[in-house]
């Protein structure tokens, strides 16, 4: 549950593959009454107003600033530019409290694992004791950190 005891609504930044996987994770977490996806923000003009993975693309990335009631997760990735997620986080300039950390229910996390704001951990991952996972990290399925 969120701090107020209700479901926290989340805006997903980026409607690509990782964004769709994150939408699926949010659907799984909605059944636990923790998070609910409200839609995507994406800078691709052809996506705005469309539906992706059953969710609307509400506008460009900057709408996250105008929607202060929403939690945010940045899911943009590019194997040719690993800094793209960081550059979007810097561009938005939001406080860490706005970013949600999402963990699939099947994940195993040790009691002394540090998790940074905005991190997404997908199904089957394991992080054992003493691991520190930074801000805005994407852990794809079945990653093991020891």
N, C-alpha and C. Protein backbone atom coordinates (compact mmCIF):
# COMPACT_ATOMS: atom_id res chain seq x y z
N UNK A 1 0.83 -1.19 0.00
CA UNK A 1 0.00 0.00 0.00
C UNK A 1 0.87 1.24 0.00
N UNK A 2 0.34 2.30 -0.53
CA UNK A 2 1.06 3.56 -0.49
C UNK A 2 0.96 4.15 0.90
N UNK A 3 1.69 5.24 1.11
CA UNK A 3 1.71 5.85 2.44
C UNK A 3 0.31 6.23 2.93
N UNK A 4 -0.58 6.62 2.01
CA UNK A 4 -1.91 7.03 2.42
C UNK A 4 -2.86 5.85 2.58
N UNK A 5 -2.38 4.61 2.27
CA UNK A 5 -3.21 3.44 2.42
C UNK A 5 -4.05 3.14 1.19
N UNK A 6 -3.84 3.88 0.11
CA UNK A 6 -4.59 3.63 -1.11
C UNK A 6 -3.64 3.23 -2.24
N UNK A 7 -4.23 2.83 -3.36
CA UNK A 7 -3.44 2.44 -4.51
C UNK A 7 -2.77 3.68 -5.10
N UNK A 8 -1.49 3.58 -5.42
CA UNK A 8 -0.76 4.71 -6.02
C UNK A 8 -0.83 4.59 -7.53
N UNK A 9 -1.31 5.63 -8.18
CA UNK A 9 -1.39 5.65 -9.63
C UNK A 9 -0.03 6.03 -10.22
N UNK A 10 0.32 5.35 -11.33
CA UNK A 10 1.66 5.48 -11.89
C UNK A 10 1.60 5.84 -13.37
N UNK A 11 2.42 6.80 -13.76
CA UNK A 11 2.63 7.17 -15.16
C UNK A 11 3.92 6.49 -15.62
N UNK A 12 3.84 5.75 -16.71
CA UNK A 12 5.00 5.06 -17.26
C UNK A 12 5.60 5.94 -18.34
N UNK A 13 6.87 6.30 -18.17
CA UNK A 13 7.57 7.12 -19.16
C UNK A 13 8.24 6.19 -20.17
N UNK A 14 7.72 6.19 -21.39
CA UNK A 14 8.26 5.35 -22.46
C UNK A 14 7.32 4.20 -22.78
N UNK A 15 6.81 4.16 -24.01
CA UNK A 15 5.83 3.15 -24.41
C UNK A 15 6.46 2.04 -25.26
N UNK A 16 7.78 1.85 -25.13
CA UNK A 16 8.46 0.78 -25.85
C UNK A 16 8.36 -0.55 -25.14
N UNK A 17 9.25 -1.47 -25.47
CA UNK A 17 9.21 -2.82 -24.93
C UNK A 17 9.28 -2.90 -23.42
N UNK A 18 10.24 -2.18 -22.82
CA UNK A 18 10.38 -2.20 -21.36
C UNK A 18 9.17 -1.53 -20.70
N UNK A 19 8.63 -0.51 -21.34
CA UNK A 19 7.41 0.13 -20.82
C UNK A 19 6.24 -0.84 -20.81
N UNK A 20 6.10 -1.62 -21.87
CA UNK A 20 5.02 -2.62 -21.92
C UNK A 20 5.22 -3.70 -20.85
N UNK A 21 6.47 -4.12 -20.63
CA UNK A 21 6.74 -5.10 -19.57
C UNK A 21 6.41 -4.50 -18.20
N UNK A 22 6.71 -3.23 -18.01
CA UNK A 22 6.41 -2.56 -16.75
C UNK A 22 4.90 -2.42 -16.57
N UNK A 23 4.17 -2.17 -17.64
CA UNK A 23 2.70 -2.11 -17.56
C UNK A 23 2.15 -3.45 -17.10
N UNK A 24 2.72 -4.54 -17.59
CA UNK A 24 2.29 -5.87 -17.17
C UNK A 24 2.60 -6.09 -15.68
N UNK A 25 3.77 -5.65 -15.24
CA UNK A 25 4.13 -5.74 -13.82
C UNK A 25 3.15 -4.93 -12.98
N UNK A 26 2.82 -3.72 -13.42
CA UNK A 26 1.87 -2.89 -12.68
C UNK A 26 0.49 -3.56 -12.59
N UNK A 27 0.09 -4.26 -13.64
CA UNK A 27 -1.19 -4.99 -13.61
C UNK A 27 -1.13 -6.08 -12.54
N UNK A 28 0.00 -6.76 -12.44
CA UNK A 28 0.15 -7.79 -11.39
C UNK A 28 0.12 -7.16 -10.00
N UNK A 29 0.74 -6.00 -9.85
CA UNK A 29 0.76 -5.33 -8.55
C UNK A 29 -0.59 -4.72 -8.20
N UNK A 30 -1.40 -4.38 -9.20
CA UNK A 30 -2.74 -3.83 -8.94
C UNK A 30 -3.58 -4.85 -8.19
N UNK A 31 -3.36 -6.13 -8.46
CA UNK A 31 -4.12 -7.16 -7.75
C UNK A 31 -3.70 -7.25 -6.28
N UNK A 32 -2.57 -6.64 -5.94
CA UNK A 32 -2.11 -6.58 -4.54
C UNK A 32 -2.46 -5.23 -3.90
N UNK A 33 -3.26 -4.42 -4.61
CA UNK A 33 -3.70 -3.11 -4.11
C UNK A 33 -2.54 -2.19 -3.76
N UNK A 34 -1.52 -2.17 -4.62
CA UNK A 34 -0.39 -1.29 -4.36
C UNK A 34 -0.24 -0.20 -5.42
N UNK A 35 -0.23 -0.59 -6.69
CA UNK A 35 -0.02 0.36 -7.79
C UNK A 35 -1.03 0.12 -8.90
N UNK A 36 -1.27 1.18 -9.68
CA UNK A 36 -2.15 1.08 -10.84
C UNK A 36 -1.59 1.99 -11.94
N UNK A 37 -1.39 1.43 -13.12
CA UNK A 37 -0.92 2.24 -14.25
C UNK A 37 -2.07 3.07 -14.79
N UNK A 38 -1.79 4.37 -15.04
CA UNK A 38 -2.81 5.24 -15.64
C UNK A 38 -2.54 5.45 -17.13
N UNK A 39 -1.33 5.20 -17.57
CA UNK A 39 -1.00 5.37 -18.97
C UNK A 39 0.49 5.63 -19.16
N UNK A 40 0.81 5.93 -20.42
CA UNK A 40 2.19 6.20 -20.81
C UNK A 40 2.38 7.68 -21.12
N UNK A 41 3.62 8.14 -21.02
CA UNK A 41 4.06 9.40 -21.59
C UNK A 41 5.19 9.04 -22.54
N UNK A 42 5.14 9.57 -23.75
CA UNK A 42 6.14 9.23 -24.75
C UNK A 42 6.30 10.41 -25.71
N UNK A 43 7.54 10.66 -26.12
CA UNK A 43 7.81 11.79 -27.01
C UNK A 43 7.54 11.50 -28.49
N UNK A 44 7.13 10.29 -28.82
CA UNK A 44 6.81 9.97 -30.22
C UNK A 44 5.43 10.52 -30.56
N UNK A 45 5.35 11.55 -31.42
CA UNK A 45 4.06 12.17 -31.73
C UNK A 45 3.03 11.17 -32.27
N UNK A 46 3.48 10.17 -33.02
CA UNK A 46 2.54 9.21 -33.59
C UNK A 46 1.91 8.30 -32.54
N UNK A 47 2.48 8.22 -31.35
CA UNK A 47 1.91 7.39 -30.27
C UNK A 47 0.90 8.14 -29.41
N UNK A 48 1.04 9.46 -29.31
CA UNK A 48 0.18 10.25 -28.43
C UNK A 48 -1.27 10.12 -28.89
N UNK A 49 -2.13 9.75 -27.96
CA UNK A 49 -3.54 9.53 -28.25
C UNK A 49 -3.86 8.09 -28.62
N UNK A 50 -2.83 7.28 -28.81
CA UNK A 50 -3.02 5.86 -29.14
C UNK A 50 -3.07 5.04 -27.86
N UNK A 51 -3.37 3.76 -28.01
CA UNK A 51 -3.35 2.82 -26.90
C UNK A 51 -2.18 1.85 -27.09
N UNK A 52 -1.42 1.63 -26.04
CA UNK A 52 -0.31 0.68 -26.05
C UNK A 52 -0.49 -0.24 -24.86
N UNK A 53 -0.50 -1.53 -25.10
CA UNK A 53 -0.67 -2.53 -24.03
C UNK A 53 -1.93 -2.25 -23.21
N UNK A 54 -2.96 -1.74 -23.89
CA UNK A 54 -4.23 -1.46 -23.22
C UNK A 54 -4.28 -0.18 -22.42
N UNK A 55 -3.22 0.64 -22.51
CA UNK A 55 -3.16 1.91 -21.77
C UNK A 55 -3.01 3.07 -22.74
N UNK A 56 -3.57 4.23 -22.41
CA UNK A 56 -3.44 5.38 -23.30
C UNK A 56 -2.05 6.01 -23.22
N UNK A 57 -1.60 6.55 -24.36
CA UNK A 57 -0.40 7.38 -24.38
C UNK A 57 -0.91 8.81 -24.22
N UNK A 58 -0.68 9.38 -23.05
CA UNK A 58 -1.31 10.62 -22.63
C UNK A 58 -0.66 11.89 -23.16
N UNK A 59 0.59 11.81 -23.54
CA UNK A 59 1.28 12.99 -24.02
C UNK A 59 2.78 12.79 -23.95
N UNK A 60 3.55 13.87 -24.16
CA UNK A 60 5.00 13.78 -24.11
C UNK A 60 5.50 13.61 -22.67
N UNK A 61 6.77 13.29 -22.56
CA UNK A 61 7.41 13.02 -21.26
C UNK A 61 7.14 14.12 -20.24
N UNK A 62 7.15 15.37 -20.67
CA UNK A 62 7.00 16.49 -19.73
C UNK A 62 5.67 16.52 -18.99
N UNK A 63 4.67 15.76 -19.42
CA UNK A 63 3.41 15.77 -18.67
C UNK A 63 3.59 15.24 -17.26
N UNK A 64 4.67 14.51 -17.03
CA UNK A 64 4.95 14.02 -15.67
C UNK A 64 5.08 15.17 -14.69
N UNK A 65 5.62 16.31 -15.14
CA UNK A 65 5.75 17.47 -14.26
C UNK A 65 4.40 18.04 -13.88
N UNK A 66 3.45 18.00 -14.83
CA UNK A 66 2.12 18.59 -14.60
C UNK A 66 1.19 17.68 -13.81
N UNK A 67 1.55 16.42 -13.68
CA UNK A 67 0.68 15.45 -13.01
C UNK A 67 1.32 15.02 -11.69
N UNK A 68 1.48 15.98 -10.79
CA UNK A 68 2.17 15.77 -9.52
C UNK A 68 1.54 14.73 -8.61
N UNK A 69 0.28 14.38 -8.85
CA UNK A 69 -0.39 13.37 -8.04
C UNK A 69 0.04 11.95 -8.41
N UNK A 70 0.72 11.80 -9.55
CA UNK A 70 1.09 10.47 -10.05
C UNK A 70 2.50 10.08 -9.65
N UNK A 71 2.67 8.80 -9.36
CA UNK A 71 4.01 8.24 -9.27
C UNK A 71 4.54 8.10 -10.69
N UNK A 72 5.85 8.04 -10.84
CA UNK A 72 6.47 7.99 -12.16
C UNK A 72 7.51 6.88 -12.18
N UNK A 73 7.58 6.19 -13.32
CA UNK A 73 8.66 5.23 -13.55
C UNK A 73 9.15 5.45 -14.99
N UNK A 74 10.48 5.57 -15.15
CA UNK A 74 11.07 5.81 -16.46
C UNK A 74 11.53 4.47 -17.03
N UNK A 75 10.94 4.10 -18.17
CA UNK A 75 11.22 2.78 -18.75
C UNK A 75 11.87 2.89 -20.12
N UNK A 76 12.37 4.04 -20.46
CA UNK A 76 13.03 4.22 -21.75
C UNK A 76 14.39 3.54 -21.70
N UNK A 77 14.70 2.81 -22.73
CA UNK A 77 16.00 2.16 -22.82
C UNK A 77 16.46 2.09 -24.26
N UNK A 78 17.76 2.08 -24.44
CA UNK A 78 18.32 2.00 -25.78
C UNK A 78 19.70 1.37 -25.66
N UNK A 79 19.90 0.16 -26.21
CA UNK A 79 21.20 -0.49 -26.08
C UNK A 79 22.35 0.28 -26.73
N UNK A 80 22.02 1.23 -27.61
CA UNK A 80 23.06 2.06 -28.23
C UNK A 80 23.34 3.32 -27.43
N UNK A 81 22.50 3.58 -26.41
CA UNK A 81 22.67 4.77 -25.58
C UNK A 81 22.18 4.45 -24.17
N UNK A 82 23.06 3.88 -23.35
CA UNK A 82 22.68 3.47 -22.00
C UNK A 82 22.36 4.65 -21.09
N UNK A 83 22.72 5.85 -21.48
CA UNK A 83 22.46 7.03 -20.65
C UNK A 83 21.11 7.67 -20.90
N UNK A 84 20.30 7.12 -21.80
CA UNK A 84 19.04 7.77 -22.16
C UNK A 84 18.08 7.86 -20.97
N UNK A 85 18.00 6.82 -20.13
CA UNK A 85 17.10 6.87 -18.97
C UNK A 85 17.55 7.97 -18.01
N UNK A 86 18.84 8.03 -17.75
CA UNK A 86 19.37 9.07 -16.85
C UNK A 86 19.09 10.47 -17.41
N UNK A 87 19.24 10.64 -18.72
CA UNK A 87 19.00 11.97 -19.30
C UNK A 87 17.53 12.38 -19.18
N UNK A 88 16.62 11.43 -19.27
CA UNK A 88 15.20 11.77 -19.09
C UNK A 88 14.92 12.13 -17.63
N UNK A 89 15.49 11.38 -16.71
CA UNK A 89 15.33 11.70 -15.28
C UNK A 89 15.86 13.11 -15.01
N UNK A 90 17.03 13.44 -15.55
CA UNK A 90 17.59 14.79 -15.36
C UNK A 90 16.71 15.84 -16.03
N UNK A 91 16.21 15.56 -17.21
CA UNK A 91 15.34 16.49 -17.94
C UNK A 91 14.07 16.80 -17.15
N UNK A 92 13.49 15.77 -16.51
CA UNK A 92 12.26 15.98 -15.74
C UNK A 92 12.52 16.75 -14.45
N UNK A 93 13.64 16.49 -13.79
CA UNK A 93 13.98 17.21 -12.56
C UNK A 93 13.02 16.96 -11.41
N UNK A 94 12.44 15.77 -11.34
CA UNK A 94 11.49 15.44 -10.26
C UNK A 94 12.22 15.00 -9.00
N UNK A 95 11.59 15.19 -7.85
CA UNK A 95 12.12 14.67 -6.60
C UNK A 95 12.04 13.15 -6.60
N UNK A 96 12.96 12.49 -5.89
CA UNK A 96 12.95 11.03 -5.82
C UNK A 96 11.62 10.47 -5.30
N UNK A 97 10.91 11.23 -4.46
CA UNK A 97 9.64 10.74 -3.91
C UNK A 97 8.59 10.51 -4.99
N UNK A 98 8.74 11.14 -6.14
CA UNK A 98 7.79 10.95 -7.24
C UNK A 98 8.00 9.61 -7.94
N UNK A 99 9.21 9.06 -7.85
CA UNK A 99 9.52 7.83 -8.57
C UNK A 99 9.14 6.60 -7.75
N UNK A 100 8.47 5.68 -8.41
CA UNK A 100 8.08 4.44 -7.75
C UNK A 100 9.13 3.37 -8.04
N UNK A 101 9.34 2.50 -7.07
CA UNK A 101 10.18 1.33 -7.22
C UNK A 101 9.25 0.13 -7.31
N UNK A 102 9.37 -0.63 -8.39
CA UNK A 102 8.44 -1.72 -8.67
C UNK A 102 9.16 -3.06 -8.62
N UNK A 103 8.61 -3.98 -7.86
CA UNK A 103 9.22 -5.30 -7.68
C UNK A 103 8.17 -6.36 -7.94
N UNK A 104 8.44 -7.23 -8.91
CA UNK A 104 7.51 -8.32 -9.22
C UNK A 104 7.34 -9.22 -7.99
N UNK A 105 6.12 -9.73 -7.77
CA UNK A 105 5.87 -10.59 -6.59
C UNK A 105 6.75 -11.84 -6.52
N UNK A 106 7.29 -12.31 -7.65
CA UNK A 106 8.11 -13.52 -7.64
C UNK A 106 9.58 -13.26 -7.29
N UNK A 107 9.96 -12.02 -7.08
CA UNK A 107 11.35 -11.65 -6.82
C UNK A 107 11.74 -12.02 -5.39
N UNK A 108 12.99 -12.43 -5.22
CA UNK A 108 13.54 -12.72 -3.89
C UNK A 108 14.60 -11.68 -3.58
N UNK A 109 14.33 -10.89 -2.53
CA UNK A 109 15.24 -9.80 -2.13
C UNK A 109 15.68 -10.05 -0.69
N UNK A 110 16.99 -10.03 -0.46
CA UNK A 110 17.52 -10.18 0.89
C UNK A 110 17.13 -9.01 1.77
N UNK A 111 17.18 -9.24 3.08
CA UNK A 111 16.76 -8.21 4.03
C UNK A 111 17.71 -7.01 4.08
N UNK A 112 18.94 -7.18 3.61
CA UNK A 112 19.90 -6.09 3.63
C UNK A 112 20.29 -5.65 2.22
N UNK A 113 19.27 -5.51 1.36
CA UNK A 113 19.48 -5.06 -0.02
C UNK A 113 18.99 -3.62 -0.12
N UNK A 114 19.82 -2.75 -0.67
CA UNK A 114 19.43 -1.36 -0.88
C UNK A 114 18.83 -1.18 -2.26
N UNK A 115 17.69 -0.48 -2.33
CA UNK A 115 17.02 -0.23 -3.60
C UNK A 115 16.86 1.27 -3.82
N UNK A 116 17.30 1.74 -4.98
CA UNK A 116 17.17 3.15 -5.31
C UNK A 116 15.82 3.48 -5.90
N UNK A 117 15.47 4.75 -5.88
CA UNK A 117 14.20 5.24 -6.41
C UNK A 117 14.09 4.91 -7.90
N UNK A 118 12.88 4.54 -8.32
CA UNK A 118 12.61 4.34 -9.73
C UNK A 118 13.10 3.03 -10.32
N UNK A 119 13.59 2.13 -9.49
CA UNK A 119 14.08 0.84 -9.98
C UNK A 119 12.92 -0.08 -10.30
N UNK A 120 13.07 -0.88 -11.36
CA UNK A 120 12.07 -1.87 -11.75
C UNK A 120 12.74 -3.23 -11.78
N UNK A 121 12.17 -4.18 -11.02
CA UNK A 121 12.72 -5.53 -10.96
C UNK A 121 11.64 -6.49 -11.46
N UNK A 122 11.92 -7.12 -12.61
CA UNK A 122 10.95 -7.99 -13.25
C UNK A 122 11.02 -9.41 -12.69
N UNK A 123 10.14 -10.27 -13.16
CA UNK A 123 9.92 -11.62 -12.62
C UNK A 123 11.19 -12.46 -12.54
N UNK A 124 11.27 -13.23 -11.46
CA UNK A 124 12.30 -14.24 -11.30
C UNK A 124 13.65 -13.74 -10.83
N UNK A 125 13.79 -12.47 -10.53
CA UNK A 125 15.09 -11.93 -10.11
C UNK A 125 15.39 -12.29 -8.66
N UNK A 126 16.68 -12.30 -8.35
CA UNK A 126 17.15 -12.56 -6.98
C UNK A 126 18.24 -11.55 -6.66
N UNK A 127 18.16 -10.97 -5.48
CA UNK A 127 19.23 -10.11 -4.96
C UNK A 127 19.51 -10.60 -3.53
N UNK A 128 20.70 -11.13 -3.32
CA UNK A 128 21.03 -11.69 -2.01
C UNK A 128 21.53 -10.59 -1.08
N UNK A 129 21.95 -10.96 0.11
CA UNK A 129 22.37 -10.01 1.14
C UNK A 129 23.49 -9.10 0.69
N UNK A 130 23.42 -7.84 1.12
CA UNK A 130 24.50 -6.90 0.92
C UNK A 130 24.56 -6.29 -0.48
N UNK A 131 23.58 -6.55 -1.31
CA UNK A 131 23.56 -5.98 -2.66
C UNK A 131 22.97 -4.58 -2.60
N UNK A 132 23.52 -3.67 -3.38
CA UNK A 132 22.98 -2.32 -3.49
C UNK A 132 22.60 -2.08 -4.95
N UNK A 133 21.33 -1.79 -5.17
CA UNK A 133 20.80 -1.55 -6.51
C UNK A 133 20.47 -0.06 -6.59
N UNK A 134 21.06 0.62 -7.54
CA UNK A 134 20.95 2.07 -7.63
C UNK A 134 19.60 2.59 -8.09
N UNK A 135 19.57 3.88 -8.41
CA UNK A 135 18.37 4.58 -8.87
C UNK A 135 18.10 4.25 -10.34
N UNK A 136 16.84 4.06 -10.68
CA UNK A 136 16.37 3.89 -12.05
C UNK A 136 17.04 2.71 -12.76
N UNK A 137 17.27 1.63 -12.03
CA UNK A 137 17.86 0.42 -12.59
C UNK A 137 16.75 -0.45 -13.14
N UNK A 138 17.00 -1.09 -14.28
CA UNK A 138 16.08 -2.06 -14.87
C UNK A 138 16.68 -3.44 -14.72
N UNK A 139 16.04 -4.29 -13.92
CA UNK A 139 16.49 -5.68 -13.79
C UNK A 139 15.52 -6.53 -14.60
N UNK A 140 16.03 -7.05 -15.70
CA UNK A 140 15.22 -7.85 -16.60
C UNK A 140 15.00 -9.24 -15.98
N UNK A 141 14.06 -10.04 -16.51
CA UNK A 141 13.71 -11.32 -15.88
C UNK A 141 14.91 -12.22 -15.60
N UNK A 142 14.86 -12.85 -14.42
CA UNK A 142 15.77 -13.89 -13.98
C UNK A 142 17.22 -13.43 -13.74
N UNK A 143 17.44 -12.16 -13.48
CA UNK A 143 18.78 -11.66 -13.13
C UNK A 143 19.06 -12.06 -11.68
N UNK A 144 20.29 -12.48 -11.41
CA UNK A 144 20.70 -12.84 -10.05
C UNK A 144 21.90 -11.96 -9.67
N UNK A 145 21.76 -11.25 -8.54
CA UNK A 145 22.85 -10.43 -8.01
C UNK A 145 23.22 -10.97 -6.63
N UNK A 146 24.52 -11.28 -6.46
CA UNK A 146 24.96 -11.80 -5.15
C UNK A 146 26.13 -10.99 -4.64
